[in-house]
Amino acid sequence: MKKLHNYVLILSVLILAICCTAKTADKNSNDITGKTWKLIEINSQPIQLKNPKNNPYFKLNMTDMRYEGNAGCNGLGGTFEIKQDIMRIKFNQGISTMMACDDLEIEQRFTKALLAADNYSVNGKILSLNKAKMAPLAKFSLQE
């Protein structure tokens, strides 16, 4: 009987450890900060750049709650608000340089998607910025 009690106790501890590890892993997968996210799709359409070297991207800095990146032609930055536990995000209007380039239309759509987003989802190394429960505004791949 004592052996059975020990087995049940050990099994309970293992199950508890597995559950806690799974919750931590899920929570960390929602952490999109401190990473560089490269634009791959806008409004369910893969992006087609005339100059692939200027692929739009952004990064979130939790220290000062600022985002920074490149919209394709111009650098951009501003402040953001995030609630990772419920996957909410808000990009505030920021600053941008104002140079012209071949991919200006992609830049405008990218900037518009950032400012319209109110939530996000993560699936592996793909980040989707969304508005309400509609189709994703933009999708990004994690740059490593």
C-alpha atoms as a PDB file:
ATOM      1  CA  MET A   1       0.000   0.000   0.000  1.00  0.00           C
ATOM      2  CA  LYS A   2       2.856   2.366   0.837  1.00  0.00           C
ATOM      3  CA  LYS A   3       4.458   1.680  -2.579  1.00  0.00           C
ATOM      4  CA  LEU A   4       1.199   2.517  -4.315  1.00  0.00           C
ATOM      5  CA  HIS A   5       0.994   5.766  -2.360  1.00  0.00           C
ATOM      6  CA  ASN A   6       4.556   6.687  -3.430  1.00  0.00           C
ATOM      7  CA  TYR A   7       3.792   5.901  -7.094  1.00  0.00           C
ATOM      8  CA  VAL A   8       0.661   8.050  -7.009  1.00  0.00           C
ATOM      9  CA  LEU A   9       2.600  10.885  -5.380  1.00  0.00           C
ATOM     10  CA  ILE A  10       5.404  10.700  -7.959  1.00  0.00           C
ATOM     11  CA  LEU A  11       2.904  10.515 -10.811  1.00  0.00           C
ATOM     12  CA  SER A  12       1.044  13.551  -9.449  1.00  0.00           C
ATOM     13  CA  VAL A  13       4.257  15.577  -9.218  1.00  0.00           C
ATOM     14  CA  LEU A  14       5.201  14.635 -12.799  1.00  0.00           C
ATOM     15  CA  ILE A  15       1.781  15.595 -14.150  1.00  0.00           C
ATOM     16  CA  LEU A  16       1.925  18.922 -12.320  1.00  0.00           C
ATOM     17  CA  ALA A  17       5.420  19.621 -13.697  1.00  0.00           C
ATOM     18  CA  ILE A  18       4.305  18.807 -17.252  1.00  0.00           C
ATOM     19  CA  CYS A  19       1.257  21.066 -16.994  1.00  0.00           C
ATOM     20  CA  CYS A  20       3.291  23.982 -15.637  1.00  0.00           C
ATOM     21  CA  THR A  21       5.928  23.566 -18.367  1.00  0.00           C
ATOM     22  CA  ALA A  22       3.259  23.524 -21.090  1.00  0.00           C
ATOM     23  CA  LYS A  23       1.675  26.730 -19.757  1.00  0.00           C
ATOM     24  CA  THR A  24       5.084  28.448 -19.665  1.00  0.00           C
ATOM     25  CA  ALA A  25       5.837  27.343 -23.227  1.00  0.00           C
ATOM     26  CA  ASP A  26       2.453  28.660 -24.428  1.00  0.00           C
ATOM     27  CA  LYS A  27       2.994  31.976 -22.693  1.00  0.00           C
ATOM     28  CA  ASN A  28       6.496  32.361 -24.184  1.00  0.00           C
ATOM     29  CA  SER A  29       5.197  31.636 -27.685  1.00  0.00           C
ATOM     30  CA  ASN A  30       2.960  34.716 -27.332  1.00  0.00           C
ATOM     31  CA  ASP A  31       5.968  36.924 -26.521  1.00  0.00           C
ATOM     32  CA  ILE A  32       6.584  38.825 -29.736  1.00  0.00           C
ATOM     33  CA  THR A  33       8.833  41.472 -28.143  1.00  0.00           C
ATOM     34  CA  GLY A  34      12.556  41.818 -28.714  1.00  0.00           C
ATOM     35  CA  LYS A  35      12.293  39.958 -32.031  1.00  0.00           C
ATOM     36  CA  THR A  36      12.477  41.178 -35.603  1.00  0.00           C
ATOM     37  CA  TRP A  37       9.346  40.467 -37.663  1.00  0.00           C
ATOM     38  CA  LYS A  38       9.632  40.609 -41.476  1.00  0.00           C
ATOM     39  CA  LEU A  39       6.506  41.339 -43.535  1.00  0.00           C
ATOM     40  CA  ILE A  40       5.426  38.437 -45.781  1.00  0.00           C
ATOM     41  CA  GLU A  41       1.747  39.141 -46.479  1.00  0.00           C
ATOM     42  CA  ILE A  42      -0.735  42.037 -46.466  1.00  0.00           C
ATOM     43  CA  ASN A  43      -4.520  41.552 -46.664  1.00  0.00           C
ATOM     44  CA  SER A  44      -4.086  37.821 -47.417  1.00  0.00           C
ATOM     45  CA  GLN A  45      -1.772  38.563 -50.377  1.00  0.00           C
ATOM     46  CA  PRO A  46       1.964  37.716 -50.406  1.00  0.00           C
ATOM     47  CA  ILE A  47       3.992  40.890 -50.825  1.00  0.00           C
ATOM     48  CA  GLN A  48       5.677  41.471 -54.182  1.00  0.00           C
ATOM     49  CA  LEU A  49       8.612  43.826 -53.761  1.00  0.00           C
ATOM     50  CA  LYS A  50      10.380  45.539 -56.628  1.00  0.00           C
ATOM     51  CA  ASN A  51      13.411  45.806 -54.337  1.00  0.00           C
ATOM     52  CA  PRO A  52      13.544  42.705 -52.064  1.00  0.00           C
ATOM     53  CA  LYS A  53      16.450  44.209 -50.080  1.00  0.00           C
ATOM     54  CA  ASN A  54      13.981  46.646 -48.524  1.00  0.00           C
ATOM     55  CA  ASN A  55      11.600  44.126 -46.983  1.00  0.00           C
ATOM     56  CA  PRO A  56       9.470  45.886 -44.344  1.00  0.00           C
ATOM     57  CA  TYR A  57      10.021  44.787 -40.740  1.00  0.00           C
ATOM     58  CA  PHE A  58       9.482  45.895 -37.164  1.00  0.00           C
ATOM     59  CA  LYS A  59      10.742  45.137 -33.677  1.00  0.00           C
ATOM     60  CA  LEU A  60       9.126  45.839 -30.279  1.00  0.00           C
ATOM     61  CA  ASN A  61      11.273  47.138 -27.428  1.00  0.00           C
ATOM     62  CA  MET A  62       9.669  46.549 -24.022  1.00  0.00           C
ATOM     63  CA  THR A  63      12.216  48.698 -22.157  1.00  0.00           C
ATOM     64  CA  ASP A  64      10.808  51.952 -23.501  1.00  0.00           C
ATOM     65  CA  MET A  65       7.617  50.549 -25.109  1.00  0.00           C
ATOM     66  CA  ARG A  66       8.708  51.659 -28.574  1.00  0.00           C
ATOM     67  CA  TYR A  67       8.549  49.992 -31.959  1.00  0.00           C
ATOM     68  CA  GLU A  68      11.086  50.560 -34.685  1.00  0.00           C
ATOM     69  CA  GLY A  69      11.654  49.247 -38.135  1.00  0.00           C
ATOM     70  CA  ASN A  70      11.584  49.950 -41.807  1.00  0.00           C
ATOM     71  CA  ALA A  71       8.417  50.226 -43.865  1.00  0.00           C
ATOM     72  CA  GLY A  72      10.231  49.369 -47.100  1.00  0.00           C
ATOM     73  CA  CYS A  73      11.408  52.807 -48.113  1.00  0.00           C
ATOM     74  CA  ASN A  74      11.533  54.703 -44.861  1.00  0.00           C
ATOM     75  CA  GLY A  75      12.461  54.084 -41.279  1.00  0.00           C
ATOM     76  CA  LEU A  76       9.624  54.271 -38.793  1.00  0.00           C
ATOM     77  CA  GLY A  77       9.128  54.232 -35.077  1.00  0.00           C
ATOM     78  CA  GLY A  78       6.720  55.084 -32.326  1.00  0.00           C
ATOM     79  CA  THR A  79       5.188  53.806 -29.137  1.00  0.00           C
ATOM     80  CA  PHE A  80       3.003  50.767 -28.628  1.00  0.00           C
ATOM     81  CA  GLU A  81       0.851  49.135 -25.972  1.00  0.00           C
ATOM     82  CA  ILE A  82       0.653  45.383 -25.484  1.00  0.00           C
ATOM     83  CA  LYS A  83      -1.226  42.944 -23.264  1.00  0.00           C
ATOM     84  CA  GLN A  84       0.479  39.623 -23.960  1.00  0.00           C
ATOM     85  CA  ASP A  85      -1.814  37.560 -21.746  1.00  0.00           C
ATOM     86  CA  ILE A  86      -4.806  38.400 -23.990  1.00  0.00           C
ATOM     87  CA  MET A  87      -2.765  39.044 -27.169  1.00  0.00           C
ATOM     88  CA  ARG A  88      -3.835  42.676 -27.604  1.00  0.00           C
ATOM     89  CA  ILE A  89      -1.628  45.276 -29.259  1.00  0.00           C
ATOM     90  CA  LYS A  90      -1.916  48.899 -30.305  1.00  0.00           C
ATOM     91  CA  PHE A  91       0.630  50.789 -32.380  1.00  0.00           C
ATOM     92  CA  ASN A  92       0.468  54.543 -31.838  1.00  0.00           C
ATOM     93  CA  GLN A  93       1.107  56.975 -34.686  1.00  0.00           C
ATOM     94  CA  GLY A  94       4.846  57.500 -34.800  1.00  0.00           C
ATOM     95  CA  ILE A  95       7.481  59.123 -36.939  1.00  0.00           C
ATOM     96  CA  SER A  96       8.851  58.197 -40.329  1.00  0.00           C
ATOM     97  CA  THR A  97      11.370  59.478 -42.807  1.00  0.00           C
ATOM     98  CA  MET A  98       9.865  60.606 -46.110  1.00  0.00           C
ATOM     99  CA  MET A  99      11.890  59.241 -49.035  1.00  0.00           C
ATOM    100  CA  ALA A 100      10.299  58.005 -52.254  1.00  0.00           C
ATOM    101  CA  CYS A 101      11.028  54.543 -53.637  1.00  0.00           C
ATOM    102  CA  ASP A 102       9.724  51.773 -55.901  1.00  0.00           C
ATOM    103  CA  ASP A 103       7.754  50.004 -53.163  1.00  0.00           C
ATOM    104  CA  LEU A 104       5.906  52.995 -51.738  1.00  0.00           C
ATOM    105  CA  GLU A 105       2.487  51.288 -52.090  1.00  0.00           C
ATOM    106  CA  ILE A 106       3.638  48.329 -49.942  1.00  0.00           C
ATOM    107  CA  GLU A 107       4.993  50.802 -47.390  1.00  0.00           C
ATOM    108  CA  GLN A 108       1.676  52.614 -47.161  1.00  0.00           C
ATOM    109  CA  ARG A 109      -0.261  49.363 -46.731  1.00  0.00           C
ATOM    110  CA  PHE A 110       2.250  48.128 -44.121  1.00  0.00           C
ATOM    111  CA  THR A 111       1.951  51.336 -42.071  1.00  0.00           C
ATOM    112  CA  LYS A 112      -1.849  51.281 -42.344  1.00  0.00           C
ATOM    113  CA  ALA A 113      -1.937  47.648 -41.111  1.00  0.00           C
ATOM    114  CA  LEU A 114       0.239  48.462 -38.078  1.00  0.00           C
ATOM    115  CA  LEU A 115      -1.974  51.362 -37.041  1.00  0.00           C
ATOM    116  CA  ALA A 116      -5.218  49.420 -37.575  1.00  0.00           C
ATOM    117  CA  ALA A 117      -4.171  46.288 -35.634  1.00  0.00           C
ATOM    118  CA  ASP A 118      -5.746  45.694 -32.240  1.00  0.00           C
ATOM    119  CA  ASN A 119      -4.737  42.071 -31.602  1.00  0.00           C
ATOM    120  CA  TYR A 120      -2.267  39.461 -32.760  1.00  0.00           C
ATOM    121  CA  SER A 121      -1.777  35.736 -33.011  1.00  0.00           C
ATOM    122  CA  VAL A 122       1.321  33.577 -33.273  1.00  0.00           C
ATOM    123  CA  ASN A 123       1.548  30.271 -35.091  1.00  0.00           C
ATOM    124  CA  GLY A 124       5.073  28.906 -34.867  1.00  0.00           C
ATOM    125  CA  LYS A 125       7.308  31.555 -36.431  1.00  0.00           C
ATOM    126  CA  ILE A 126       4.447  33.438 -38.081  1.00  0.00           C
ATOM    127  CA  LEU A 127       2.932  36.538 -36.462  1.00  0.00           C
ATOM    128  CA  SER A 128      -0.447  37.841 -37.635  1.00  0.00           C
ATOM    129  CA  LEU A 129      -1.620  41.357 -36.848  1.00  0.00           C
ATOM    130  CA  ASN A 130      -5.408  41.474 -36.804  1.00  0.00           C
ATOM    131  CA  LYS A 131      -8.322  43.846 -36.477  1.00  0.00           C
ATOM    132  CA  ALA A 132     -11.149  42.373 -34.381  1.00  0.00           C
ATOM    133  CA  LYS A 133     -11.937  38.871 -35.643  1.00  0.00           C
ATOM    134  CA  MET A 134     -11.457  39.667 -39.329  1.00  0.00           C
ATOM    135  CA  ALA A 135      -8.851  38.085 -41.584  1.00  0.00           C
ATOM    136  CA  PRO A 136      -5.274  39.117 -40.699  1.00  0.00           C
ATOM    137  CA  LEU A 137      -4.234  42.590 -41.787  1.00  0.00           C
ATOM    138  CA  ALA A 138      -0.615  41.482 -42.173  1.00  0.00           C
ATOM    139  CA  LYS A 139       1.570  38.442 -41.560  1.00  0.00           C
ATOM    140  CA  PHE A 140       5.215  38.416 -40.563  1.00  0.00           C
ATOM    141  CA  SER A 141       7.928  35.800 -40.279  1.00  0.00           C
ATOM    142  CA  LEU A 142      10.377  35.708 -37.390  1.00  0.00           C
ATOM    143  CA  GLN A 143      13.888  36.745 -38.405  1.00  0.00           C
ATOM    144  CA  GLU A 144      16.545  34.769 -36.596  1.00  0.00           C
END
